Amino acid sequence: MSDSGIHIPHHAHHDHEANSLDQWVAIFTAILAALGAVLSYQGSHLMNEVLLQKNEAVLMKAHATDQWNYYQAVSTKTHLMELAKTLAPADKTSGFNSEITKYKAQKAKIKVDAEKYEQASAKANAEAARLSAPHEKMALAIILFQIAVALASVTALTKRAWLMSVASICALAGIGLWGYGLAML
């Protein structure tokens, strides 16, 4: 009997293909782990910047609130002086005018300071929002890297090479999101 028409797969050839796939999976996973570490560092650094800007916004808002409270107190003093001037006898009103003028000048300066702090708070909030959008892209990129590593692991276990293609697509999408996030900065 001749077995020339029957193809029997050579076991050694199959093992070489499996080992080659395992090597590619290992290299792919190592590259993604390194990229993921860099991406994670950049994302953490960016989130620290977002938090710093948010803290600055809160601090400036607190200063603005303090100034507005001070403005209200001086405004109350002004009104009391005006009331006292109205109620006092005509010969006793001379000192009230200078106090009213002093308080009105203080109110103008306090209002400028309060508005300055309000603007600084709004600017810090805007910067935090600007930095937050790229961070979201980077977080999604990390998720795609993790999915790609998981798919690569399944590829190594099941020897299904097509899964490596899906893992590669996830990795490329992650790299694209990472680049988009960096471009937003």
Protein backbone atom coordinates (compact mmCIF):
# COMPACT_ATOMS: atom_id res chain seq x y z
CA MET A 1 0.00 0.00 0.00
CA SER A 2 1.25 3.37 -0.95
CA ASP A 3 0.64 6.34 1.27
CA SER A 4 1.64 8.87 -1.32
CA GLY A 5 -1.90 10.26 -1.61
CA ILE A 6 -2.41 10.69 2.13
CA HIS A 7 -0.93 13.70 3.82
CA ILE A 8 -0.07 13.09 7.40
CA PRO A 9 0.89 16.32 9.23
CA HIS A 10 4.38 16.22 10.52
CA HIS A 11 4.30 16.68 14.28
CA ALA A 12 7.59 18.56 14.37
CA HIS A 13 6.35 21.08 11.78
CA HIS A 14 3.20 21.73 13.85
CA ASP A 15 5.25 22.25 17.03
CA HIS A 16 7.48 24.76 15.21
CA GLU A 17 4.41 26.79 14.15
CA ALA A 18 3.04 26.70 17.70
CA ASN A 19 6.38 27.75 19.16
CA SER A 20 6.64 30.57 16.62
CA LEU A 21 3.14 31.79 17.57
CA ASP A 22 4.05 31.58 21.26
CA GLN A 23 7.16 33.67 20.61
CA TRP A 24 5.13 36.32 18.80
CA VAL A 25 2.60 36.37 21.61
CA ALA A 26 5.38 36.79 24.17
CA ILE A 27 7.01 39.63 22.21
CA PHE A 28 3.65 41.29 21.60
CA THR A 29 2.73 41.05 25.28
CA ALA A 30 6.10 42.43 26.39
CA ILE A 31 5.80 45.40 24.02
CA LEU A 32 2.26 46.13 25.20
CA ALA A 33 3.35 45.87 28.83
CA ALA A 34 6.11 48.43 28.22
CA LEU A 35 3.79 50.75 26.30
CA GLY A 36 1.14 50.33 28.97
CA ALA A 37 3.62 51.30 31.68
CA VAL A 38 4.57 54.49 29.83
CA LEU A 39 0.94 55.27 29.11
CA SER A 40 -0.02 54.65 32.73
CA TYR A 41 2.71 57.01 33.93
CA GLN A 42 1.60 59.72 31.50
CA GLY A 43 -2.03 59.26 32.50
CA SER A 44 -1.19 59.47 36.21
CA HIS A 45 0.91 62.57 35.66
CA LEU A 46 -1.89 64.16 33.67
CA MET A 47 -4.45 63.32 36.36
CA ASN A 48 -2.17 64.91 38.97
CA GLU A 49 -2.18 68.07 36.85
CA VAL A 50 -5.99 67.95 36.64
CA LEU A 51 -6.24 67.61 40.42
CA LEU A 52 -3.75 70.42 40.94
CA GLN A 53 -5.82 72.72 38.71
CA LYS A 54 -9.03 71.69 40.50
CA ASN A 55 -7.43 72.45 43.86
CA GLU A 56 -6.29 75.81 42.56
CA ALA A 57 -9.83 76.55 41.38
CA VAL A 58 -11.25 75.72 44.80
CA LEU A 59 -8.61 77.82 46.54
CA MET A 60 -9.28 80.82 44.30
CA LYS A 61 -13.03 80.38 44.79
CA ALA A 62 -12.51 80.40 48.58
CA HIS A 63 -10.48 83.62 48.30
CA ALA A 64 -13.22 85.14 46.15
CA THR A 65 -15.85 84.13 48.70
CA ASP A 66 -13.78 85.73 51.46
CA GLN A 67 -13.52 88.92 49.45
CA TRP A 68 -17.26 88.99 48.71
CA ASN A 69 -17.99 88.49 52.42
CA TYR A 70 -15.62 91.35 53.23
CA TYR A 71 -17.33 93.45 50.54
CA GLN A 72 -20.69 92.73 52.17
CA ALA A 73 -19.36 93.72 55.61
CA VAL A 74 -17.98 97.03 54.28
CA SER A 75 -21.24 97.60 52.41
CA THR A 76 -23.13 97.11 55.67
CA LYS A 77 -20.81 99.62 57.38
CA THR A 78 -21.47 102.09 54.56
CA HIS A 79 -25.21 101.72 54.95
CA LEU A 80 -24.94 102.14 58.72
CA MET A 81 -22.90 105.32 58.26
CA GLU A 82 -25.47 106.65 55.77
CA LEU A 83 -28.27 105.80 58.21
CA ALA A 84 -26.37 107.43 61.09
CA LYS A 85 -25.81 110.53 58.96
CA THR A 86 -29.52 110.68 58.19
CA LEU A 87 -30.56 110.23 61.82
CA ALA A 88 -27.90 112.46 63.42
CA PRO A 89 -28.47 116.15 64.01
CA ALA A 90 -27.16 118.35 61.19
CA ASP A 91 -24.29 119.74 63.28
CA LYS A 92 -22.95 116.19 64.02
CA THR A 93 -22.84 114.78 60.43
CA SER A 94 -19.43 116.09 59.35
CA GLY A 95 -17.47 112.92 60.26
CA PHE A 96 -19.89 110.59 58.54
CA ASN A 97 -19.09 111.83 55.00
CA SER A 98 -15.39 110.92 55.28
CA GLU A 99 -16.27 107.46 56.64
CA ILE A 100 -18.79 106.86 53.85
CA THR A 101 -16.21 107.92 51.24
CA LYS A 102 -13.57 105.63 52.83
CA TYR A 103 -15.93 102.63 52.83
CA LYS A 104 -17.01 103.23 49.22
CA ALA A 105 -13.34 103.27 48.14
CA GLN A 106 -12.71 100.07 50.10
CA LYS A 107 -15.70 98.40 48.44
CA ALA A 108 -14.37 99.25 44.98
CA LYS A 109 -10.95 97.71 45.74
CA ILE A 110 -12.49 94.66 47.40
CA LYS A 111 -14.78 94.11 44.39
CA VAL A 112 -11.79 94.21 42.02
CA ASP A 113 -9.95 91.64 44.17
CA ALA A 114 -13.00 89.36 44.41
CA GLU A 115 -13.50 89.46 40.64
CA LYS A 116 -9.80 88.71 40.12
CA TYR A 117 -10.12 85.59 42.29
CA GLU A 118 -13.32 84.58 40.47
CA GLN A 119 -11.50 84.83 37.14
CA ALA A 120 -8.53 82.84 38.47
CA SER A 121 -10.91 80.13 39.68
CA ALA A 122 -12.68 79.97 36.32
CA LYS A 123 -9.33 79.80 34.51
CA ALA A 124 -8.11 76.92 36.72
CA ASN A 125 -11.41 75.06 36.19
CA ALA A 126 -11.12 75.51 32.42
CA GLU A 127 -7.54 74.20 32.48
CA ALA A 128 -8.63 71.17 34.52
CA ALA A 129 -11.38 70.43 31.99
CA ARG A 130 -8.92 70.83 29.10
CA LEU A 131 -6.50 68.36 30.70
CA SER A 132 -9.24 65.91 31.67
CA ALA A 133 -10.33 65.14 28.10
CA PRO A 134 -6.93 63.70 27.01
CA HIS A 135 -6.78 61.70 30.23
CA GLU A 136 -10.03 59.97 29.29
CA LYS A 137 -8.54 58.97 25.93
CA MET A 138 -5.45 57.62 27.68
CA ALA A 139 -7.57 55.60 30.11
CA LEU A 140 -9.45 54.04 27.20
CA ALA A 141 -6.12 53.27 25.52
CA ILE A 142 -4.97 51.40 28.64
CA ILE A 143 -8.20 49.38 28.58
CA LEU A 144 -7.59 48.46 24.94
CA PHE A 145 -4.01 47.41 25.78
CA GLN A 146 -5.35 45.19 28.57
CA ILE A 147 -7.88 43.61 26.22
CA ALA A 148 -5.11 43.02 23.68
CA VAL A 149 -2.93 41.31 26.32
CA ALA A 150 -5.87 39.13 27.38
CA LEU A 151 -6.56 38.15 23.77
CA ALA A 152 -2.87 37.39 23.25
CA SER A 153 -2.95 35.14 26.31
CA VAL A 154 -5.95 33.29 24.92
CA THR A 155 -4.09 33.01 21.61
CA ALA A 156 -1.18 31.32 23.37
CA LEU A 157 -3.49 28.89 25.13
CA THR A 158 -5.76 28.02 22.21
CA LYS A 159 -3.25 28.37 19.36
CA ARG A 160 -5.87 30.31 17.40
CA ALA A 161 -3.80 32.73 15.35
CA TRP A 162 -6.81 34.82 14.33
CA LEU A 163 -7.15 35.97 17.95
CA MET A 164 -3.73 37.56 17.61
CA SER A 165 -5.14 39.68 14.78
CA VAL A 166 -7.95 40.89 17.02
CA ALA A 167 -5.43 41.59 19.79
CA SER A 168 -3.32 43.58 17.30
CA ILE A 169 -6.35 45.63 16.25
CA CYS A 170 -7.09 46.43 19.91
CA ALA A 171 -3.46 47.42 20.46
CA LEU A 172 -3.43 49.66 17.39
CA ALA A 173 -6.69 51.29 18.48
CA GLY A 174 -5.12 51.88 21.90
CA ILE A 175 -2.05 53.46 20.31
CA GLY A 176 -4.34 55.64 18.19
CA LEU A 177 -6.29 56.82 21.24
CA TRP A 178 -3.06 57.48 23.08
CA GLY A 179 -1.79 59.60 20.21
CA TYR A 180 -5.12 61.43 19.98
CA GLY A 181 -4.97 62.15 23.70
CA LEU A 182 -1.44 63.53 23.40
CA ALA A 183 -2.49 65.67 20.43
CA MET A 184 -5.24 67.22 22.56
CA LEU A 185 -2.70 68.60 25.01
